[in-house]
Amino acid sequence: MEKNMLAFQNGFMQVRQRDVSAVRKKIKSILRLGSDPAMWNRINGIVSHTPAERAAIEAIFAEYGITDVWGTV
């Protein structure tokens, strides 16, 4: 099965439950997302990311010790 390299579902599923809200808030802020459906589209790779957005998303996950970010679970 091929990984969806536009999705960051893999990284998001590794976030500790206590950190989910903070990670979601940071990602929504850097991507300028105003709704949960927009966030869902990004998590699941329906909407692609610019190289700058990809780097910012990776940096947020790195704050929480997550390095394997891209792909679906």
PDB file of N, CA and C in Angstrom:
ATOM      1  N   MET A   1       0.837  -1.183   0.000  1.00  0.00           N
ATOM      2  CA  MET A   1       0.000   0.000   0.000  1.00  0.00           C
ATOM      3  C   MET A   1       0.886   1.252   0.000  1.00  0.00           C
ATOM      4  N   GLU A   2       0.637   2.151  -0.898  1.00  0.00           N
ATOM      5  CA  GLU A   2       1.445   3.365  -1.025  1.00  0.00           C
ATOM      6  C   GLU A   2       1.024   4.409   0.004  1.00  0.00           C
ATOM      7  N   LYS A   3       1.998   5.050   0.630  1.00  0.00           N
ATOM      8  CA  LYS A   3       1.714   6.112   1.595  1.00  0.00           C
ATOM      9  C   LYS A   3       1.216   7.357   0.881  1.00  0.00           C
ATOM     10  N   ASN A   4       0.243   8.023   1.458  1.00  0.00           N
ATOM     11  CA  ASN A   4      -0.194   9.324   0.950  1.00  0.00           C
ATOM     12  C   ASN A   4       0.755  10.350   1.547  1.00  0.00           C
ATOM     13  N   MET A   5       1.708  10.818   0.771  1.00  0.00           N
ATOM     14  CA  MET A   5       2.740  11.711   1.286  1.00  0.00           C
ATOM     15  C   MET A   5       2.252  13.145   1.462  1.00  0.00           C
ATOM     16  N   LEU A   6       0.997  13.415   1.118  1.00  0.00           N
ATOM     17  CA  LEU A   6       0.423  14.729   1.378  1.00  0.00           C
ATOM     18  C   LEU A   6      -0.224  14.770   2.759  1.00  0.00           C
ATOM     19  N   ALA A   7      -0.533  13.604   3.304  1.00  0.00           N
ATOM     20  CA  ALA A   7      -1.224  13.513   4.588  1.00  0.00           C
ATOM     21  C   ALA A   7      -0.230  13.498   5.743  1.00  0.00           C
ATOM     22  N   PHE A   8      -0.614  14.120   6.857  1.00  0.00           N
ATOM     23  CA  PHE A   8       0.204  14.018   8.066  1.00  0.00           C
ATOM     24  C   PHE A   8      -0.558  13.285   9.161  1.00  0.00           C
ATOM     25  N   GLN A   9      -1.450  12.406   8.732  1.00  0.00           N
ATOM     26  CA  GLN A   9      -2.230  11.585   9.659  1.00  0.00           C
ATOM     27  C   GLN A   9      -1.305  10.711  10.514  1.00  0.00           C
ATOM     28  N   ASN A  10      -0.262  10.172   9.917  1.00  0.00           N
ATOM     29  CA  ASN A  10       0.684   9.338  10.646  1.00  0.00           C
ATOM     30  C   ASN A  10       1.274  10.093  11.835  1.00  0.00           C
ATOM     31  N   GLY A  11       1.722  11.304  11.604  1.00  0.00           N
ATOM     32  CA  GLY A  11       2.274  12.101  12.692  1.00  0.00           C
ATOM     33  C   GLY A  11       1.235  12.470  13.728  1.00  0.00           C
ATOM     34  N   PHE A  12       0.053  12.857  13.258  1.00  0.00           N
ATOM     35  CA  PHE A  12      -0.997  13.287  14.173  1.00  0.00           C
ATOM     36  C   PHE A  12      -1.444  12.151  15.095  1.00  0.00           C
ATOM     37  N   MET A  13      -1.457  10.931  14.583  1.00  0.00           N
ATOM     38  CA  MET A  13      -1.874   9.789  15.401  1.00  0.00           C
ATOM     39  C   MET A  13      -0.839   9.422  16.465  1.00  0.00           C
ATOM     40  N   GLN A  14       0.374   9.953  16.358  1.00  0.00           N
ATOM     41  CA  GLN A  14       1.417   9.679  17.352  1.00  0.00           C
ATOM     42  C   GLN A  14       1.432  10.694  18.497  1.00  0.00           C
ATOM     43  N   VAL A  15       0.646  11.748  18.375  1.00  0.00           N
ATOM     44  CA  VAL A  15       0.613  12.793  19.397  1.00  0.00           C
ATOM     45  C   VAL A  15      -0.052  12.233  20.656  1.00  0.00           C
ATOM     46  N   ARG A  16       0.557  12.491  21.798  1.00  0.00           N
ATOM     47  CA  ARG A  16      -0.041  12.064  23.067  1.00  0.00           C
ATOM     48  C   ARG A  16      -1.383  12.760  23.259  1.00  0.00           C
ATOM     49  N   GLN A  17      -2.310  12.075  23.844  1.00  0.00           N
ATOM     50  CA  GLN A  17      -3.667  12.610  24.034  1.00  0.00           C
ATOM     51  C   GLN A  17      -3.646  13.982  24.709  1.00  0.00           C
ATOM     52  N   ARG A  18      -2.785  14.159  25.672  1.00  0.00           N
ATOM     53  CA  ARG A  18      -2.735  15.433  26.391  1.00  0.00           C
ATOM     54  C   ARG A  18      -2.233  16.586  25.524  1.00  0.00           C
ATOM     55  N   ASP A  19      -1.559  16.267  24.403  1.00  0.00           N
ATOM     56  CA  ASP A  19      -0.996  17.295  23.533  1.00  0.00           C
ATOM     57  C   ASP A  19      -1.812  17.544  22.260  1.00  0.00           C
ATOM     58  N   VAL A  20      -2.839  16.752  22.029  1.00  0.00           N
ATOM     59  CA  VAL A  20      -3.606  16.843  20.783  1.00  0.00           C
ATOM     60  C   VAL A  20      -4.159  18.248  20.558  1.00  0.00           C
ATOM     61  N   SER A  21      -4.754  18.829  21.561  1.00  0.00           N
ATOM     62  CA  SER A  21      -5.354  20.160  21.424  1.00  0.00           C
ATOM     63  C   SER A  21      -4.317  21.210  21.048  1.00  0.00           C
ATOM     64  N   ALA A  22      -3.168  21.163  21.700  1.00  0.00           N
ATOM     65  CA  ALA A  22      -2.113  22.145  21.426  1.00  0.00           C
ATOM     66  C   ALA A  22      -1.556  21.976  20.013  1.00  0.00           C
ATOM     67  N   VAL A  23      -1.338  20.735  19.597  1.00  0.00           N
ATOM     68  CA  VAL A  23      -0.813  20.477  18.253  1.00  0.00           C
ATOM     69  C   VAL A  23      -1.816  20.937  17.203  1.00  0.00           C
ATOM     70  N   ARG A  24      -3.076  20.587  17.413  1.00  0.00           N
ATOM     71  CA  ARG A  24      -4.127  20.994  16.477  1.00  0.00           C
ATOM     72  C   ARG A  24      -4.183  22.527  16.361  1.00  0.00           C
ATOM     73  N   LYS A  25      -4.106  23.202  17.490  1.00  0.00           N
ATOM     74  CA  LYS A  25      -4.166  24.662  17.491  1.00  0.00           C
ATOM     75  C   LYS A  25      -2.970  25.268  16.748  1.00  0.00           C
ATOM     76  N   LYS A  26      -1.776  24.733  16.980  1.00  0.00           N
ATOM     77  CA  LYS A  26      -0.577  25.240  16.302  1.00  0.00           C
ATOM     78  C   LYS A  26      -0.657  25.028  14.795  1.00  0.00           C
ATOM     79  N   ILE A  27      -1.096  23.847  14.386  1.00  0.00           N
ATOM     80  CA  ILE A  27      -1.187  23.559  12.958  1.00  0.00           C
ATOM     81  C   ILE A  27      -2.251  24.432  12.301  1.00  0.00           C
ATOM     82  N   LYS A  28      -3.403  24.566  12.948  1.00  0.00           N
ATOM     83  CA  LYS A  28      -4.456  25.419  12.383  1.00  0.00           C
ATOM     84  C   LYS A  28      -3.966  26.858  12.258  1.00  0.00           C
ATOM     85  N   SER A  29      -3.162  27.294  13.192  1.00  0.00           N
ATOM     86  CA  SER A  29      -2.644  28.656  13.157  1.00  0.00           C
ATOM     87  C   SER A  29      -1.667  28.864  11.994  1.00  0.00           C
ATOM     88  N   ILE A  30      -0.690  27.956  11.850  1.00  0.00           N
ATOM     89  CA  ILE A  30       0.300  28.144  10.789  1.00  0.00           C
ATOM     90  C   ILE A  30      -0.294  27.970   9.396  1.00  0.00           C
ATOM     91  N   LEU A  31      -1.332  27.145   9.297  1.00  0.00           N
ATOM     92  CA  LEU A  31      -1.979  26.927   8.000  1.00  0.00           C
ATOM     93  C   LEU A  31      -3.140  27.899   7.762  1.00  0.00           C
ATOM     94  N   ARG A  32      -3.422  28.710   8.786  1.00  0.00           N
ATOM     95  CA  ARG A  32      -4.523  29.689   8.721  1.00  0.00           C
ATOM     96  C   ARG A  32      -5.850  29.015   8.407  1.00  0.00           C
ATOM     97  N   LEU A  33      -6.147  27.970   9.158  1.00  0.00           N
ATOM     98  CA  LEU A  33      -7.386  27.222   8.978  1.00  0.00           C
ATOM     99  C   LEU A  33      -8.409  27.685   9.994  1.00  0.00           C
ATOM    100  N   GLY A  34      -9.636  27.853   9.549  1.00  0.00           N
ATOM    101  CA  GLY A  34     -10.669  28.348  10.442  1.00  0.00           C
ATOM    102  C   GLY A  34     -11.697  27.316  10.865  1.00  0.00           C
ATOM    103  N   SER A  35     -11.602  26.104  10.319  1.00  0.00           N
ATOM    104  CA  SER A  35     -12.625  25.116  10.645  1.00  0.00           C
ATOM    105  C   SER A  35     -12.016  23.730  10.817  1.00  0.00           C
ATOM    106  N   ASP A  36     -12.762  22.883  11.516  1.00  0.00           N
ATOM    107  CA  ASP A  36     -12.317  21.503  11.695  1.00  0.00           C
ATOM    108  C   ASP A  36     -12.337  20.718  10.382  1.00  0.00           C
ATOM    109  N   PRO A  37     -13.344  20.911   9.500  1.00  0.00           N
ATOM    110  CA  PRO A  37     -13.295  20.203   8.217  1.00  0.00           C
ATOM    111  C   PRO A  37     -12.059  20.580   7.387  1.00  0.00           C
ATOM    112  N   ALA A  38     -11.645  21.823   7.445  1.00  0.00           N
ATOM    113  CA  ALA A  38     -10.440  22.240   6.727  1.00  0.00           C
ATOM    114  C   ALA A  38      -9.214  21.535   7.302  1.00  0.00           C
ATOM    115  N   MET A  39      -9.164  21.403   8.622  1.00  0.00           N
ATOM    116  CA  MET A  39      -8.067  20.691   9.274  1.00  0.00           C
ATOM    117  C   MET A  39      -8.084  19.221   8.864  1.00  0.00           C
ATOM    118  N   TRP A  40      -9.249  18.608   8.850  1.00  0.00           N
ATOM    119  CA  TRP A  40      -9.394  17.201   8.464  1.00  0.00           C
ATOM    120  C   TRP A  40      -8.867  16.991   7.047  1.00  0.00           C
ATOM    121  N   ASN A  41      -9.203  17.916   6.142  1.00  0.00           N
ATOM    122  CA  ASN A  41      -8.729  17.808   4.756  1.00  0.00           C
ATOM    123  C   ASN A  41      -7.211  17.844   4.687  1.00  0.00           C
ATOM    124  N   ARG A  42      -6.585  18.621   5.549  1.00  0.00           N
ATOM    125  CA  ARG A  42      -5.119  18.703   5.577  1.00  0.00           C
ATOM    126  C   ARG A  42      -4.518  17.452   6.212  1.00  0.00           C
ATOM    127  N   ILE A  43      -5.073  17.006   7.330  1.00  0.00           N
ATOM    128  CA  ILE A  43      -4.562  15.801   8.005  1.00  0.00           C
ATOM    129  C   ILE A  43      -4.573  14.616   7.049  1.00  0.00           C
ATOM    130  N   ASN A  44      -5.629  14.493   6.274  1.00  0.00           N
ATOM    131  CA  ASN A  44      -5.809  13.336   5.401  1.00  0.00           C
ATOM    132  C   ASN A  44      -5.271  13.529   3.986  1.00  0.00           C
ATOM    133  N   GLY A  45      -4.613  14.643   3.719  1.00  0.00           N
ATOM    134  CA  GLY A  45      -3.944  14.839   2.445  1.00  0.00           C
ATOM    135  C   GLY A  45      -4.845  15.177   1.276  1.00  0.00           C
ATOM    136  N   ILE A  46      -6.056  15.603   1.544  1.00  0.00           N
ATOM    137  CA  ILE A  46      -6.973  15.995   0.473  1.00  0.00           C
ATOM    138  C   ILE A  46      -6.527  17.318  -0.135  1.00  0.00           C
ATOM    139  N   VAL A  47      -5.973  18.170   0.700  1.00  0.00           N
ATOM    140  CA  VAL A  47      -5.416  19.449   0.252  1.00  0.00           C
ATOM    141  C   VAL A  47      -3.900  19.361   0.416  1.00  0.00           C
ATOM    142  N   SER A  48      -3.167  19.722  -0.618  1.00  0.00           N
ATOM    143  CA  SER A  48      -1.706  19.627  -0.555  1.00  0.00           C
ATOM    144  C   SER A  48      -1.115  20.821   0.210  1.00  0.00           C
ATOM    145  N   HIS A  49       0.154  20.671   0.568  1.00  0.00           N
ATOM    146  CA  HIS A  49       0.862  21.681   1.342  1.00  0.00           C
ATOM    147  C   HIS A  49       2.024  22.243   0.539  1.00  0.00           C
ATOM    148  N   THR A  50       2.316  23.513   0.766  1.00  0.00           N
ATOM    149  CA  THR A  50       3.494  24.119   0.152  1.00  0.00           C
ATOM    150  C   THR A  50       4.729  23.596   0.882  1.00  0.00           C
ATOM    151  N   PRO A  51       5.897  23.725   0.289  1.00  0.00           N
ATOM    152  CA  PRO A  51       7.121  23.306   0.999  1.00  0.00           C
ATOM    153  C   PRO A  51       7.294  24.020   2.344  1.00  0.00           C
ATOM    154  N   ALA A  52       6.937  25.293   2.414  1.00  0.00           N
ATOM    155  CA  ALA A  52       7.041  26.029   3.682  1.00  0.00           C
ATOM    156  C   ALA A  52       6.075  25.467   4.719  1.00  0.00           C
ATOM    157  N   GLU A  53       4.866  25.120   4.291  1.00  0.00           N
ATOM    158  CA  GLU A  53       3.890  24.525   5.219  1.00  0.00           C
ATOM    159  C   GLU A  53       4.376  23.165   5.696  1.00  0.00           C
ATOM    160  N   ARG A  54       4.945  22.377   4.794  1.00  0.00           N
ATOM    161  CA  ARG A  54       5.463  21.058   5.180  1.00  0.00           C
ATOM    162  C   ARG A  54       6.559  21.204   6.239  1.00  0.00           C
ATOM    163  N   ALA A  55       7.449  22.163   6.041  1.00  0.00           N
ATOM    164  CA  ALA A  55       8.536  22.381   7.006  1.00  0.00           C
ATOM    165  C   ALA A  55       7.981  22.821   8.357  1.00  0.00           C
ATOM    166  N   ALA A  56       6.970  23.684   8.346  1.00  0.00           N
ATOM    167  CA  ALA A  56       6.366  24.158   9.595  1.00  0.00           C
ATOM    168  C   ALA A  56       5.640  23.025  10.319  1.00  0.00           C
ATOM    169  N   ILE A  57       4.940  22.185   9.578  1.00  0.00           N
ATOM    170  CA  ILE A  57       4.241  21.043  10.171  1.00  0.00           C
ATOM    171  C   ILE A  57       5.260  20.091  10.796  1.00  0.00           C
ATOM    172  N   GLU A  58       6.331  19.798  10.083  1.00  0.00           N
ATOM    173  CA  GLU A  58       7.377  18.924  10.621  1.00  0.00           C
ATOM    174  C   GLU A  58       7.993  19.510  11.885  1.00  0.00           C
ATOM    175  N   ALA A  59       8.179  20.823  11.929  1.00  0.00           N
ATOM    176  CA  ALA A  59       8.758  21.477  13.110  1.00  0.00           C
ATOM    177  C   ALA A  59       7.835  21.347  14.319  1.00  0.00           C
ATOM    178  N   ILE A  60       6.539  21.476  14.096  1.00  0.00           N
ATOM    179  CA  ILE A  60       5.582  21.329  15.205  1.00  0.00           C
ATOM    180  C   ILE A  60       5.646  19.913  15.757  1.00  0.00           C
ATOM    181  N   PHE A  61       5.615  18.927  14.880  1.00  0.00           N
ATOM    182  CA  PHE A  61       5.687  17.547  15.358  1.00  0.00           C
ATOM    183  C   PHE A  61       7.018  17.262  16.038  1.00  0.00           C
ATOM    184  N   ALA A  62       8.100  17.851  15.549  1.00  0.00           N
ATOM    185  CA  ALA A  62       9.415  17.650  16.162  1.00  0.00           C
ATOM    186  C   ALA A  62       9.447  18.152  17.606  1.00  0.00           C
ATOM    187  N   GLU A  63       8.685  19.207  17.901  1.00  0.00           N
ATOM    188  CA  GLU A  63       8.591  19.705  19.279  1.00  0.00           C
ATOM    189  C   GLU A  63       8.086  18.623  20.225  1.00  0.00           C
ATOM    190  N   TYR A  64       7.321  17.693  19.693  1.00  0.00           N
ATOM    191  CA  TYR A  64       6.731  16.626  20.494  1.00  0.00           C
ATOM    192  C   TYR A  64       7.442  15.286  20.283  1.00  0.00           C
ATOM    193  N   GLY A  65       8.626  15.326  19.657  1.00  0.00           N
ATOM    194  CA  GLY A  65       9.432  14.131  19.474  1.00  0.00           C
ATOM    195  C   GLY A  65       8.967  13.226  18.353  1.00  0.00           C
ATOM    196  N   ILE A  66       8.161  13.731  17.443  1.00  0.00           N
ATOM    197  CA  ILE A  66       7.628  12.923  16.340  1.00  0.00           C
ATOM    198  C   ILE A  66       8.374  13.292  15.066  1.00  0.00           C
ATOM    199  N   THR A  67       9.034  12.304  14.471  1.00  0.00           N
ATOM    200  CA  THR A  67       9.807  12.571  13.261  1.00  0.00           C
ATOM    201  C   THR A  67       9.230  11.898  12.021  1.00  0.00           C
ATOM    202  N   ASP A  68       8.439  10.859  12.192  1.00  0.00           N
ATOM    203  CA  ASP A  68       7.810  10.163  11.061  1.00  0.00           C
ATOM    204  C   ASP A  68       6.410  10.729  10.884  1.00  0.00           C
ATOM    205  N   VAL A  69       6.314  11.828  10.142  1.00  0.00           N
ATOM    206  CA  VAL A  69       5.095  12.616  10.067  1.00  0.00           C
ATOM    207  C   VAL A  69       4.184  12.215   8.918  1.00  0.00           C
ATOM    208  N   TRP A  70       4.736  12.020   7.745  1.00  0.00           N
ATOM    209  CA  TRP A  70       3.938  11.933   6.516  1.00  0.00           C
ATOM    210  C   TRP A  70       3.423  10.545   6.240  1.00  0.00           C
ATOM    211  N   GLY A  71       2.204  10.499   5.714  1.00  0.00           N
ATOM    212  CA  GLY A  71       1.546   9.257   5.333  1.00  0.00           C
ATOM    213  C   GLY A  71       0.305   9.025   6.171  1.00  0.00           C
ATOM    214  N   THR A  72      -0.405   7.985   5.826  1.00  0.00           N
ATOM    215  CA  THR A  72      -1.625   7.645   6.558  1.00  0.00           C
ATOM    216  C   THR A  72      -1.375   6.397   7.384  1.00  0.00           C
ATOM    217  N   VAL A  73      -2.207   6.224   8.368  1.00  0.00           N
ATOM    218  CA  VAL A  73      -2.071   5.088   9.277  1.00  0.00           C
ATOM    219  C   VAL A  73      -2.800   3.895   8.712  1.00  0.00           C
TER     220      VAL A  73
END
